[in-house]
């Protein structure tokens, strides 16, 4: 079991972080961290106006003193859908998120933080 707790949104390149964790994981990785509240998709013209592509969003937040380890001075906080997409793109085969109960910390209850199990 690999633990990746409260780290991904601190990284300058979170997808590379997930790939590294995937390479270290034999069975399951427990992932915990902050997610953005925005759950809509955003769109961009991909090369020309006919090729519009959409996908989940990621918030770009100025780092504070607790998150200053990122040399860019920012934190990349993915939406839940963006987090799912990054984890699966890193090579995990299956992902299950914990459904929070009201007894957990309010950040988990409000889906501002999540716990997931990523399987190889």
PDB file of N, CA and C in Angstrom:
ATOM      1  N   UNK A   1       0.845  -1.174   0.000  1.00  0.00           N
ATOM      2  CA  UNK A   1       0.000   0.000   0.000  1.00  0.00           C
ATOM      3  C   UNK A   1       0.893   1.239   0.000  1.00  0.00           C
ATOM      4  N   UNK A   2       0.556   2.169  -0.860  1.00  0.00           N
ATOM      5  CA  UNK A   2       1.273   3.439  -0.945  1.00  0.00           C
ATOM      6  C   UNK A   2       0.355   4.527  -0.415  1.00  0.00           C
ATOM      7  N   UNK A   3       0.917   5.464   0.346  1.00  0.00           N
ATOM      8  CA  UNK A   3       0.159   6.591   0.868  1.00  0.00           C
ATOM      9  C   UNK A   3       0.602   7.869   0.166  1.00  0.00           C
ATOM     10  N   UNK A   4      -0.354   8.621  -0.336  1.00  0.00           N
ATOM     11  CA  UNK A   4      -0.091   9.897  -1.026  1.00  0.00           C
ATOM     12  C   UNK A   4      -1.067  10.897  -0.408  1.00  0.00           C
ATOM     13  N   UNK A   5      -0.720  11.371   0.778  1.00  0.00           N
ATOM     14  CA  UNK A   5      -1.641  12.114   1.624  1.00  0.00           C
ATOM     15  C   UNK A   5      -1.299  13.597   1.666  1.00  0.00           C
ATOM     16  N   UNK A   6      -2.231  14.423   1.227  1.00  0.00           N
ATOM     17  CA  UNK A   6      -2.079  15.882   1.324  1.00  0.00           C
ATOM     18  C   UNK A   6      -0.907  16.436   0.549  1.00  0.00           C
ATOM     19  N   UNK A   7      -0.598  15.839  -0.584  1.00  0.00           N
ATOM     20  CA  UNK A   7       0.611  16.221  -1.314  1.00  0.00           C
ATOM     21  C   UNK A   7       0.333  16.772  -2.708  1.00  0.00           C
ATOM     22  N   UNK A   8      -0.566  16.153  -3.465  1.00  0.00           N
ATOM     23  CA  UNK A   8      -0.652  16.431  -4.901  1.00  0.00           C
ATOM     24  C   UNK A   8      -0.865  17.901  -5.228  1.00  0.00           C
ATOM     25  N   UNK A   9      -1.629  18.633  -4.453  1.00  0.00           N
ATOM     26  CA  UNK A   9      -1.891  20.038  -4.768  1.00  0.00           C
ATOM     27  C   UNK A   9      -0.728  20.948  -4.387  1.00  0.00           C
ATOM     28  N   UNK A  10       0.269  20.410  -3.695  1.00  0.00           N
ATOM     29  CA  UNK A  10       1.488  21.161  -3.392  1.00  0.00           C
ATOM     30  C   UNK A  10       2.498  21.107  -4.545  1.00  0.00           C
ATOM     31  N   UNK A  11       2.327  20.158  -5.432  1.00  0.00           N
ATOM     32  CA  UNK A  11       3.328  19.892  -6.471  1.00  0.00           C
ATOM     33  C   UNK A  11       3.203  20.832  -7.659  1.00  0.00           C
ATOM     34  N   UNK A  12       4.345  21.186  -8.215  1.00  0.00           N
ATOM     35  CA  UNK A  12       4.372  21.998  -9.425  1.00  0.00           C
ATOM     36  C   UNK A  12       3.803  21.219 -10.610  1.00  0.00           C
ATOM     37  N   UNK A  13       4.017  19.903 -10.618  1.00  0.00           N
ATOM     38  CA  UNK A  13       3.515  19.042 -11.690  1.00  0.00           C
ATOM     39  C   UNK A  13       2.810  17.841 -11.052  1.00  0.00           C
ATOM     40  N   UNK A  14       1.541  17.991 -10.678  1.00  0.00           N
ATOM     41  CA  UNK A  14       0.856  16.902  -9.976  1.00  0.00           C
ATOM     42  C   UNK A  14       0.698  15.632 -10.814  1.00  0.00           C
ATOM     43  N   UNK A  15       0.582  15.738 -12.118  1.00  0.00           N
ATOM     44  CA  UNK A  15       0.450  14.532 -12.946  1.00  0.00           C
ATOM     45  C   UNK A  15       1.728  13.704 -12.858  1.00  0.00           C
ATOM     46  N   UNK A  16       2.866  14.348 -12.897  1.00  0.00           N
ATOM     47  CA  UNK A  16       4.141  13.622 -12.737  1.00  0.00           C
ATOM     48  C   UNK A  16       4.196  12.959 -11.363  1.00  0.00           C
ATOM     49  N   UNK A  17       3.675  13.655 -10.355  1.00  0.00           N
ATOM     50  CA  UNK A  17       3.617  13.078  -9.007  1.00  0.00           C
ATOM     51  C   UNK A  17       2.783  11.813  -8.978  1.00  0.00           C
ATOM     52  N   UNK A  18       1.621  11.844  -9.628  1.00  0.00           N
ATOM     53  CA  UNK A  18       0.774  10.648  -9.694  1.00  0.00           C
ATOM     54  C   UNK A  18       1.452   9.528 -10.465  1.00  0.00           C
ATOM     55  N   UNK A  19       2.190   9.858 -11.520  1.00  0.00           N
ATOM     56  CA  UNK A  19       2.916   8.817 -12.269  1.00  0.00           C
ATOM     57  C   UNK A  19       4.002   8.179 -11.403  1.00  0.00           C
ATOM     58  N   UNK A  20       4.693   8.995 -10.631  1.00  0.00           N
ATOM     59  CA  UNK A  20       5.733   8.476  -9.732  1.00  0.00           C
ATOM     60  C   UNK A  20       5.118   7.569  -8.681  1.00  0.00           C
ATOM     61  N   UNK A  21       4.011   8.008  -8.094  1.00  0.00           N
ATOM     62  CA  UNK A  21       3.328   7.194  -7.090  1.00  0.00           C
ATOM     63  C   UNK A  21       2.821   5.891  -7.718  1.00  0.00           C
ATOM     64  N   UNK A  22       2.311   5.960  -8.931  1.00  0.00           N
ATOM     65  CA  UNK A  22       1.852   4.751  -9.620  1.00  0.00           C
ATOM     66  C   UNK A  22       3.000   3.764  -9.803  1.00  0.00           C
ATOM     67  N   UNK A  23       4.178   4.272 -10.173  1.00  0.00           N
ATOM     68  CA  UNK A  23       5.340   3.400 -10.367  1.00  0.00           C
ATOM     69  C   UNK A  23       5.760   2.710  -9.062  1.00  0.00           C
ATOM     70  N   UNK A  24       5.482   3.341  -7.932  1.00  0.00           N
ATOM     71  CA  UNK A  24       5.844   2.789  -6.631  1.00  0.00           C
ATOM     72  C   UNK A  24       4.774   1.870  -6.051  1.00  0.00           C
ATOM     73  N   UNK A  25       3.596   1.874  -6.620  1.00  0.00           N
ATOM     74  CA  UNK A  25       2.452   1.156  -6.056  1.00  0.00           C
ATOM     75  C   UNK A  25       2.309  -0.226  -6.681  1.00  0.00           C
ATOM     76  N   UNK A  26       2.180  -1.231  -5.817  1.00  0.00           N
ATOM     77  CA  UNK A  26       1.989  -2.598  -6.304  1.00  0.00           C
ATOM     78  C   UNK A  26       0.513  -2.969  -6.366  1.00  0.00           C
ATOM     79  N   UNK A  27      -0.271  -2.504  -5.398  1.00  0.00           N
ATOM     80  CA  UNK A  27      -1.679  -2.894  -5.340  1.00  0.00           C
ATOM     81  C   UNK A  27      -2.612  -1.695  -5.253  1.00  0.00           C
ATOM     82  N   UNK A  28      -2.466  -0.911  -4.193  1.00  0.00           N
ATOM     83  CA  UNK A  28      -3.394   0.193  -3.956  1.00  0.00           C
ATOM     84  C   UNK A  28      -2.650   1.393  -3.377  1.00  0.00           C
ATOM     85  N   UNK A  29      -3.103   2.564  -3.783  1.00  0.00           N
ATOM     86  CA  UNK A  29      -2.562   3.815  -3.261  1.00  0.00           C
ATOM     87  C   UNK A  29      -3.710   4.587  -2.611  1.00  0.00           C
ATOM     88  N   UNK A  30      -3.503   5.023  -1.376  1.00  0.00           N
ATOM     89  CA  UNK A  30      -4.478   5.863  -0.687  1.00  0.00           C
ATOM     90  C   UNK A  30      -4.095   7.308  -0.987  1.00  0.00           C
ATOM     91  N   UNK A  31      -5.038   8.038  -1.575  1.00  0.00           N
ATOM     92  CA  UNK A  31      -4.801   9.421  -1.977  1.00  0.00           C
ATOM     93  C   UNK A  31      -5.745  10.318  -1.185  1.00  0.00           C
ATOM     94  N   UNK A  32      -5.199  11.374  -0.586  1.00  0.00           N
ATOM     95  CA  UNK A  32      -6.011  12.326   0.176  1.00  0.00           C
ATOM     96  C   UNK A  32      -5.548  13.716  -0.169  1.00  0.00           C
ATOM     97  N   UNK A  33      -6.503  14.636  -0.294  1.00  0.00           N
ATOM     98  CA  UNK A  33      -6.090  16.008  -0.547  1.00  0.00           C
ATOM     99  C   UNK A  33      -7.240  16.941  -0.876  1.00  0.00           C
ATOM    100  N   UNK A  34      -6.866  18.172  -1.103  1.00  0.00           N
ATOM    101  CA  UNK A  34      -7.786  19.275  -1.375  1.00  0.00           C
ATOM    102  C   UNK A  34      -8.302  19.190  -2.803  1.00  0.00           C
ATOM    103  N   UNK A  35      -9.586  19.468  -2.993  1.00  0.00           N
ATOM    104  CA  UNK A  35     -10.151  19.571  -4.329  1.00  0.00           C
ATOM    105  C   UNK A  35     -10.929  20.879  -4.448  1.00  0.00           C
ATOM    106  N   UNK A  36     -11.031  21.358  -5.670  1.00  0.00           N
ATOM    107  CA  UNK A  36     -11.768  22.591  -5.942  1.00  0.00           C
ATOM    108  C   UNK A  36     -13.257  22.303  -5.982  1.00  0.00           C
ATOM    109  N   UNK A  37     -14.052  23.278  -5.602  1.00  0.00           N
ATOM    110  CA  UNK A  37     -15.509  23.105  -5.572  1.00  0.00           C
ATOM    111  C   UNK A  37     -16.144  23.148  -6.959  1.00  0.00           C
ATOM    112  N   UNK A  38     -15.473  23.710  -7.915  1.00  0.00           N
ATOM    113  CA  UNK A  38     -16.027  23.858  -9.262  1.00  0.00           C
ATOM    114  C   UNK A  38     -16.145  22.485  -9.910  1.00  0.00           C
ATOM    115  N   UNK A  39     -17.328  22.105 -10.333  1.00  0.00           N
ATOM    116  CA  UNK A  39     -17.519  20.783 -10.913  1.00  0.00           C
ATOM    117  C   UNK A  39     -18.034  20.820 -12.344  1.00  0.00           C
ATOM    118  N   UNK A  40     -17.995  21.981 -12.970  1.00  0.00           N
ATOM    119  CA  UNK A  40     -18.393  22.099 -14.369  1.00  0.00           C
ATOM    120  C   UNK A  40     -17.184  21.790 -15.252  1.00  0.00           C
ATOM    121  N   UNK A  41     -17.410  21.654 -16.539  1.00  0.00           N
ATOM    122  CA  UNK A  41     -16.292  21.532 -17.468  1.00  0.00           C
ATOM    123  C   UNK A  41     -16.004  22.916 -18.054  1.00  0.00           C
ATOM    124  N   UNK A  42     -14.803  23.089 -18.540  1.00  0.00           N
ATOM    125  CA  UNK A  42     -14.438  24.308 -19.259  1.00  0.00           C
ATOM    126  C   UNK A  42     -14.014  23.913 -20.659  1.00  0.00           C
ATOM    127  N   UNK A  43     -14.077  24.873 -21.570  1.00  0.00           N
ATOM    128  CA  UNK A  43     -13.803  24.582 -22.981  1.00  0.00           C
ATOM    129  C   UNK A  43     -12.678  25.445 -23.516  1.00  0.00           C
ATOM    130  N   UNK A  44     -12.053  24.936 -24.565  1.00  0.00           N
ATOM    131  CA  UNK A  44     -11.012  25.683 -25.261  1.00  0.00           C
ATOM    132  C   UNK A  44     -11.043  25.298 -26.740  1.00  0.00           C
ATOM    133  N   UNK A  45     -10.679  26.240 -27.595  1.00  0.00           N
ATOM    134  CA  UNK A  45     -10.530  25.936 -29.016  1.00  0.00           C
ATOM    135  C   UNK A  45      -9.161  25.291 -29.187  1.00  0.00           C
ATOM    136  N   UNK A  46      -9.137  24.077 -29.668  1.00  0.00           N
ATOM    137  CA  UNK A  46      -7.907  23.300 -29.764  1.00  0.00           C
ATOM    138  C   UNK A  46      -7.353  23.394 -31.177  1.00  0.00           C
ATOM    139  N   UNK A  47      -6.633  24.456 -31.432  1.00  0.00           N
ATOM    140  CA  UNK A  47      -5.998  24.618 -32.736  1.00  0.00           C
ATOM    141  C   UNK A  47      -6.828  25.389 -33.738  1.00  0.00           C
ATOM    142  N   UNK A  48      -8.144  25.226 -33.708  1.00  0.00           N
ATOM    143  CA  UNK A  48      -9.010  25.989 -34.598  1.00  0.00           C
ATOM    144  C   UNK A  48     -10.400  26.077 -33.988  1.00  0.00           C
ATOM    145  N   UNK A  49     -11.211  26.957 -34.511  1.00  0.00           N
ATOM    146  CA  UNK A  49     -12.518  27.211 -33.887  1.00  0.00           C
ATOM    147  C   UNK A  49     -13.499  26.051 -34.031  1.00  0.00           C
ATOM    148  N   UNK A  50     -13.232  25.110 -34.935  1.00  0.00           N
ATOM    149  CA  UNK A  50     -14.108  23.957 -35.085  1.00  0.00           C
ATOM    150  C   UNK A  50     -13.795  22.855 -34.057  1.00  0.00           C
ATOM    151  N   UNK A  51     -12.597  22.846 -33.548  1.00  0.00           N
ATOM    152  CA  UNK A  51     -12.174  21.790 -32.620  1.00  0.00           C
ATOM    153  C   UNK A  51     -12.236  22.325 -31.186  1.00  0.00           C
ATOM    154  N   UNK A  52     -13.424  22.321 -30.615  1.00  0.00           N
ATOM    155  CA  UNK A  52     -13.622  22.774 -29.244  1.00  0.00           C
ATOM    156  C   UNK A  52     -13.559  21.552 -28.338  1.00  0.00           C
ATOM    157  N   UNK A  53     -12.707  21.616 -27.328  1.00  0.00           N
ATOM    158  CA  UNK A  53     -12.560  20.505 -26.394  1.00  0.00           C
ATOM    159  C   UNK A  53     -12.925  20.981 -24.995  1.00  0.00           C
ATOM    160  N   UNK A  54     -13.498  20.081 -24.241  1.00  0.00           N
ATOM    161  CA  UNK A  54     -13.926  20.399 -22.878  1.00  0.00           C
ATOM    162  C   UNK A  54     -13.332  19.397 -21.907  1.00  0.00           C
ATOM    163  N   UNK A  55     -13.186  19.836 -20.675  1.00  0.00           N
ATOM    164  CA  UNK A  55     -12.685  18.946 -19.640  1.00  0.00           C
ATOM    165  C   UNK A  55     -12.865  19.556 -18.276  1.00  0.00           C
ATOM    166  N   UNK A  56     -12.560  18.779 -17.249  1.00  0.00           N
ATOM    167  CA  UNK A  56     -12.689  19.271 -15.884  1.00  0.00           C
ATOM    168  C   UNK A  56     -11.658  20.345 -15.579  1.00  0.00           C
ATOM    169  N   UNK A  57     -11.984  21.162 -14.585  1.00  0.00           N
ATOM    170  CA  UNK A  57     -11.167  22.332 -14.274  1.00  0.00           C
ATOM    171  C   UNK A  57     -10.197  22.093 -13.122  1.00  0.00           C
ATOM    172  N   UNK A  58      -9.229  22.994 -13.038  1.00  0.00           N
ATOM    173  CA  UNK A  58      -8.247  23.003 -11.967  1.00  0.00           C
ATOM    174  C   UNK A  58      -8.103  24.454 -11.504  1.00  0.00           C
ATOM    175  N   UNK A  59      -8.199  24.693 -10.204  1.00  0.00           N
ATOM    176  CA  UNK A  59      -8.032  26.044  -9.675  1.00  0.00           C
ATOM    177  C   UNK A  59      -6.548  26.332  -9.468  1.00  0.00           C
ATOM    178  N   UNK A  60      -6.133  27.523  -9.815  1.00  0.00           N
ATOM    179  CA  UNK A  60      -4.751  27.958  -9.606  1.00  0.00           C
ATOM    180  C   UNK A  60      -4.788  28.971  -8.467  1.00  0.00           C
ATOM    181  N   UNK A  61      -4.285  28.565  -7.318  1.00  0.00           N
ATOM    182  CA  UNK A  61      -4.381  29.325  -6.084  1.00  0.00           C
ATOM    183  C   UNK A  61      -2.998  29.832  -5.687  1.00  0.00           C
ATOM    184  N   UNK A  62      -2.906  31.085  -5.264  1.00  0.00           N
ATOM    185  CA  UNK A  62      -1.638  31.589  -4.732  1.00  0.00           C
ATOM    186  C   UNK A  62      -1.267  30.799  -3.484  1.00  0.00           C
ATOM    187  N   UNK A  63      -0.021  30.366  -3.406  1.00  0.00           N
ATOM    188  CA  UNK A  63       0.450  29.607  -2.247  1.00  0.00           C
ATOM    189  C   UNK A  63       0.537  30.527  -1.035  1.00  0.00           C
ATOM    190  N   UNK A  64       0.207  29.976   0.125  1.00  0.00           N
ATOM    191  CA  UNK A  64       0.401  30.713   1.369  1.00  0.00           C
ATOM    192  C   UNK A  64       1.623  30.130   2.073  1.00  0.00           C
ATOM    193  N   UNK A  65       1.890  30.563   3.294  1.00  0.00           N
ATOM    194  CA  UNK A  65       3.096  30.111   3.987  1.00  0.00           C
ATOM    195  C   UNK A  65       3.088  28.613   4.248  1.00  0.00           C
ATOM    196  N   UNK A  66       1.906  27.988   4.312  1.00  0.00           N
ATOM    197  CA  UNK A  66       1.824  26.548   4.541  1.00  0.00           C
ATOM    198  C   UNK A  66       2.071  25.753   3.264  1.00  0.00           C
ATOM    199  N   UNK A  67       2.006  26.416   2.119  1.00  0.00           N
ATOM    200  CA  UNK A  67       2.128  25.724   0.838  1.00  0.00           C
ATOM    201  C   UNK A  67       3.230  26.334  -0.021  1.00  0.00           C
ATOM    202  N   UNK A  68       4.221  26.894   0.608  1.00  0.00           N
ATOM    203  CA  UNK A  68       5.267  27.629  -0.109  1.00  0.00           C
ATOM    204  C   UNK A  68       6.335  26.726  -0.716  1.00  0.00           C
ATOM    205  N   UNK A  69       6.207  25.408  -0.602  1.00  0.00           N
ATOM    206  CA  UNK A  69       7.235  24.517  -1.147  1.00  0.00           C
ATOM    207  C   UNK A  69       7.212  24.474  -2.671  1.00  0.00           C
ATOM    208  N   UNK A  70       6.133  24.869  -3.285  1.00  0.00           N
ATOM    209  CA  UNK A  70       6.042  24.887  -4.739  1.00  0.00           C
ATOM    210  C   UNK A  70       6.824  26.089  -5.254  1.00  0.00           C
ATOM    211  N   UNK A  71       7.869  25.876  -6.060  1.00  0.00           N
ATOM    212  CA  UNK A  71       8.699  26.994  -6.526  1.00  0.00           C
ATOM    213  C   UNK A  71       7.941  28.002  -7.387  1.00  0.00           C
ATOM    214  N   UNK A  72       6.813  27.595  -7.958  1.00  0.00           N
ATOM    215  CA  UNK A  72       6.027  28.522  -8.772  1.00  0.00           C
ATOM    216  C   UNK A  72       5.226  29.491  -7.908  1.00  0.00           C
ATOM    217  N   UNK A  73       5.113  29.205  -6.614  1.00  0.00           N
ATOM    218  CA  UNK A  73       4.356  30.073  -5.725  1.00  0.00           C
ATOM    219  C   UNK A  73       2.855  29.904  -5.845  1.00  0.00           C
ATOM    220  N   UNK A  74       2.424  28.795  -6.447  1.00  0.00           N
ATOM    221  CA  UNK A  74       0.995  28.530  -6.618  1.00  0.00           C
ATOM    222  C   UNK A  74       0.681  27.096  -6.201  1.00  0.00           C
ATOM    223  N   UNK A  75      -0.587  26.848  -5.955  1.00  0.00           N
ATOM    224  CA  UNK A  75      -1.094  25.489  -5.736  1.00  0.00           C
ATOM    225  C   UNK A  75      -2.099  25.203  -6.835  1.00  0.00           C
ATOM    226  N   UNK A  76      -1.999  24.024  -7.426  1.00  0.00           N
ATOM    227  CA  UNK A  76      -2.938  23.584  -8.455  1.00  0.00           C
ATOM    228  C   UNK A  76      -3.932  22.649  -7.789  1.00  0.00           C
ATOM    229  N   UNK A  77      -5.156  23.126  -7.610  1.00  0.00           N
ATOM    230  CA  UNK A  77      -6.179  22.365  -6.897  1.00  0.00           C
ATOM    231  C   UNK A  77      -7.215  21.878  -7.908  1.00  0.00           C
ATOM    232  N   UNK A  78      -7.215  20.573  -8.218  1.00  0.00           N
ATOM    233  CA  UNK A  78      -8.135  20.062  -9.233  1.00  0.00           C
ATOM    234  C   UNK A  78      -9.553  19.906  -8.689  1.00  0.00           C
ATOM    235  N   UNK A  79     -10.522  19.980  -9.584  1.00  0.00           N
ATOM    236  CA  UNK A  79     -11.873  19.571  -9.222  1.00  0.00           C
ATOM    237  C   UNK A  79     -11.846  18.067  -9.007  1.00  0.00           C
ATOM    238  N   UNK A  80     -12.903  17.523  -8.441  1.00  0.00           N
ATOM    239  CA  UNK A  80     -12.974  16.086  -8.221  1.00  0.00           C
ATOM    240  C   UNK A  80     -12.856  15.328  -9.542  1.00  0.00           C
ATOM    241  N   UNK A  81     -13.518  15.819 -10.587  1.00  0.00           N
ATOM    242  CA  UNK A  81     -13.424  15.160 -11.895  1.00  0.00           C
ATOM    243  C   UNK A  81     -12.024  15.274 -12.489  1.00  0.00           C
ATOM    244  N   UNK A  82     -11.372  16.415 -12.299  1.00  0.00           N
ATOM    245  CA  UNK A  82     -10.005  16.584 -12.796  1.00  0.00           C
ATOM    246  C   UNK A  82      -9.044  15.667 -12.041  1.00  0.00           C
ATOM    247  N   UNK A  83      -9.242  15.547 -10.737  1.00  0.00           N
ATOM    248  CA  UNK A  83      -8.411  14.642  -9.947  1.00  0.00           C
ATOM    249  C   UNK A  83      -8.568  13.214 -10.447  1.00  0.00           C
ATOM    250  N   UNK A  84      -9.797  12.789 -10.672  1.00  0.00           N
ATOM    251  CA  UNK A  84     -10.067  11.445 -11.191  1.00  0.00           C
ATOM    252  C   UNK A  84      -9.344  11.237 -12.529  1.00  0.00           C
ATOM    253  N   UNK A  85      -9.438  12.220 -13.403  1.00  0.00           N
ATOM    254  CA  UNK A  85      -8.817  12.114 -14.726  1.00  0.00           C
ATOM    255  C   UNK A  85      -7.287  12.020 -14.619  1.00  0.00           C
ATOM    256  N   UNK A  86      -6.687  12.822 -13.728  1.00  0.00           N
ATOM    257  CA  UNK A  86      -5.226  12.791 -13.550  1.00  0.00           C
ATOM    258  C   UNK A  86      -4.752  11.449 -13.006  1.00  0.00           C
ATOM    259  N   UNK A  87      -5.479  10.916 -12.026  1.00  0.00           N
ATOM    260  CA  UNK A  87      -5.084   9.646 -11.410  1.00  0.00           C
ATOM    261  C   UNK A  87      -5.161   8.509 -12.427  1.00  0.00           C
ATOM    262  N   UNK A  88      -6.231   8.457 -13.185  1.00  0.00           N
ATOM    263  CA  UNK A  88      -6.363   7.400 -14.193  1.00  0.00           C
ATOM    264  C   UNK A  88      -5.364   7.579 -15.333  1.00  0.00           C
ATOM    265  N   UNK A  89      -5.082   8.835 -15.710  1.00  0.00           N
ATOM    266  CA  UNK A  89      -4.085   9.091 -16.758  1.00  0.00           C
ATOM    267  C   UNK A  89      -2.685   8.680 -16.317  1.00  0.00           C
ATOM    268  N   UNK A  90      -2.453   8.659 -15.018  1.00  0.00           N
ATOM    269  CA  UNK A  90      -1.146   8.255 -14.490  1.00  0.00           C
ATOM    270  C   UNK A  90      -0.944   6.745 -14.540  1.00  0.00           C
ATOM    271  N   UNK A  91      -2.002   5.992 -14.870  1.00  0.00           N
ATOM    272  CA  UNK A  91      -1.845   4.559 -15.044  1.00  0.00           C
ATOM    273  C   UNK A  91      -2.574   3.685 -14.042  1.00  0.00           C
ATOM    274  N   UNK A  92      -3.268   4.287 -13.085  1.00  0.00           N
ATOM    275  CA  UNK A  92      -4.079   3.472 -12.191  1.00  0.00           C
ATOM    276  C   UNK A  92      -5.278   2.955 -12.977  1.00  0.00           C
ATOM    277  N   UNK A  93      -5.732   1.756 -12.668  1.00  0.00           N
ATOM    278  CA  UNK A  93      -6.802   1.118 -13.425  1.00  0.00           C
ATOM    279  C   UNK A  93      -8.197   1.430 -12.890  1.00  0.00           C
ATOM    280  N   UNK A  94      -8.278   1.669 -11.583  1.00  0.00           N
ATOM    281  CA  UNK A  94      -9.587   1.878 -10.956  1.00  0.00           C
ATOM    282  C   UNK A  94      -9.418   2.834  -9.792  1.00  0.00           C
ATOM    283  N   UNK A  95     -10.443   3.615  -9.532  1.00  0.00           N
ATOM    284  CA  UNK A  95     -10.396   4.617  -8.474  1.00  0.00           C
ATOM    285  C   UNK A  95     -11.724   4.630  -7.744  1.00  0.00           C
ATOM    286  N   UNK A  96     -11.660   4.577  -6.424  1.00  0.00           N
ATOM    287  CA  UNK A  96     -12.861   4.661  -5.599  1.00  0.00           C
ATOM    288  C   UNK A  96     -12.655   5.736  -4.542  1.00  0.00           C
ATOM    289  N   UNK A  97     -13.619   6.649  -4.447  1.00  0.00           N
ATOM    290  CA  UNK A  97     -13.551   7.686  -3.430  1.00  0.00           C
ATOM    291  C   UNK A  97     -14.406   7.286  -2.229  1.00  0.00           C
ATOM    292  N   UNK A  98     -13.961   7.665  -1.051  1.00  0.00           N
ATOM    293  CA  UNK A  98     -14.709   7.425   0.176  1.00  0.00           C
ATOM    294  C   UNK A  98     -15.888   8.385   0.208  1.00  0.00           C
ATOM    295  N   UNK A  99     -17.069   7.873   0.499  1.00  0.00           N
ATOM    296  CA  UNK A  99     -18.249   8.726   0.656  1.00  0.00           C
ATOM    297  C   UNK A  99     -18.277   9.197   2.103  1.00  0.00           C
ATOM    298  N   UNK A 100     -18.114  10.501   2.325  1.00  0.00           N
ATOM    299  CA  UNK A 100     -17.988  10.997   3.704  1.00  0.00           C
ATOM    300  C   UNK A 100     -19.302  10.903   4.483  1.00  0.00           C
ATOM    301  N   UNK A 101     -19.166  10.623   5.760  1.00  0.00           N
ATOM    302  CA  UNK A 101     -20.309  10.658   6.658  1.00  0.00           C
ATOM    303  C   UNK A 101     -20.258  11.970   7.431  1.00  0.00           C
ATOM    304  N   UNK A 102     -21.335  12.327   8.056  1.00  0.00           N
ATOM    305  CA  UNK A 102     -21.404  13.599   8.787  1.00  0.00           C
ATOM    306  C   UNK A 102     -20.472  13.638   9.991  1.00  0.00           C
ATOM    307  N   UNK A 103     -19.924  12.500  10.389  1.00  0.00           N
ATOM    308  CA  UNK A 103     -19.015  12.470  11.534  1.00  0.00           C
ATOM    309  C   UNK A 103     -17.589  12.908  11.178  1.00  0.00           C
ATOM    310  N   UNK A 104     -17.293  13.024   9.888  1.00  0.00           N
ATOM    311  CA  UNK A 104     -15.951  13.428   9.463  1.00  0.00           C
ATOM    312  C   UNK A 104     -15.780  14.940   9.541  1.00  0.00           C
ATOM    313  N   UNK A 105     -14.556  15.396   9.399  1.00  0.00           N
ATOM    314  CA  UNK A 105     -14.251  16.826   9.385  1.00  0.00           C
ATOM    315  C   UNK A 105     -15.052  17.502   8.279  1.00  0.00           C
ATOM    316  N   UNK A 106     -15.445  18.739   8.507  1.00  0.00           N
ATOM    317  CA  UNK A 106     -16.304  19.466   7.561  1.00  0.00           C
ATOM    318  C   UNK A 106     -15.709  19.563   6.161  1.00  0.00           C
ATOM    319  N   UNK A 107     -14.376  19.594   6.025  1.00  0.00           N
ATOM    320  CA  UNK A 107     -13.791  19.650   4.684  1.00  0.00           C
ATOM    321  C   UNK A 107     -14.119  18.403   3.877  1.00  0.00           C
ATOM    322  N   UNK A 108     -14.182  17.252   4.534  1.00  0.00           N
ATOM    323  CA  UNK A 108     -14.557  16.017   3.843  1.00  0.00           C
ATOM    324  C   UNK A 108     -16.060  15.996   3.564  1.00  0.00           C
ATOM    325  N   UNK A 109     -16.855  16.418   4.546  1.00  0.00           N
ATOM    326  CA  UNK A 109     -18.312  16.435   4.380  1.00  0.00           C
ATOM    327  C   UNK A 109     -18.707  17.353   3.224  1.00  0.00           C
ATOM    328  N   UNK A 110     -18.021  18.515   3.092  1.00  0.00           N
ATOM    329  CA  UNK A 110     -18.312  19.483   2.028  1.00  0.00           C
ATOM    330  C   UNK A 110     -17.603  19.168   0.719  1.00  0.00           C
ATOM    331  N   UNK A 111     -16.884  18.049   0.664  1.00  0.00           N
ATOM    332  CA  UNK A 111     -16.104  17.630  -0.513  1.00  0.00           C
ATOM    333  C   UNK A 111     -15.064  18.668  -0.924  1.00  0.00           C
ATOM    334  N   UNK A 112     -14.490  19.364   0.066  1.00  0.00           N
ATOM    335  CA  UNK A 112     -13.347  20.233  -0.176  1.00  0.00           C
ATOM    336  C   UNK A 112     -12.047  19.431  -0.100  1.00  0.00           C
ATOM    337  N   UNK A 113     -12.107  18.279   0.576  1.00  0.00           N
ATOM    338  CA  UNK A 113     -11.018  17.316   0.626  1.00  0.00           C
ATOM    339  C   UNK A 113     -11.636  15.959   0.369  1.00  0.00           C
ATOM    340  N   UNK A 114     -10.839  15.070  -0.229  1.00  0.00           N
ATOM    341  CA  UNK A 114     -11.332  13.725  -0.523  1.00  0.00           C
ATOM    342  C   UNK A 114     -10.277  12.692  -0.157  1.00  0.00           C
ATOM    343  N   UNK A 115     -10.759  11.482   0.034  1.00  0.00           N
ATOM    344  CA  UNK A 115      -9.905  10.309   0.223  1.00  0.00           C
ATOM    345  C   UNK A 115     -10.305   9.318  -0.859  1.00  0.00           C
ATOM    346  N   UNK A 116      -9.304   8.824  -1.566  1.00  0.00           N
ATOM    347  CA  UNK A 116      -9.573   7.855  -2.616  1.00  0.00           C
ATOM    348  C   UNK A 116      -8.607   6.686  -2.567  1.00  0.00           C
ATOM    349  N   UNK A 117      -9.041   5.589  -3.134  1.00  0.00           N
ATOM    350  CA  UNK A 117      -8.219   4.391  -3.267  1.00  0.00           C
ATOM    351  C   UNK A 117      -8.005   4.153  -4.751  1.00  0.00           C
ATOM    352  N   UNK A 118      -6.744   4.235  -5.188  1.00  0.00           N
ATOM    353  CA  UNK A 118      -6.387   4.021  -6.583  1.00  0.00           C
ATOM    354  C   UNK A 118      -5.750   2.638  -6.708  1.00  0.00           C
ATOM    355  N   UNK A 119      -6.319   1.822  -7.575  1.00  0.00           N
ATOM    356  CA  UNK A 119      -5.883   0.439  -7.722  1.00  0.00           C
ATOM    357  C   UNK A 119      -5.101   0.242  -9.014  1.00  0.00           C
ATOM    358  N   UNK A 120      -4.075  -0.584  -8.914  1.00  0.00           N
ATOM    359  CA  UNK A 120      -3.209  -0.916 -10.044  1.00  0.00           C
ATOM    360  C   UNK A 120      -3.905  -1.907 -10.947  1.00  0.00           C
TER     361      UNK A 120
END
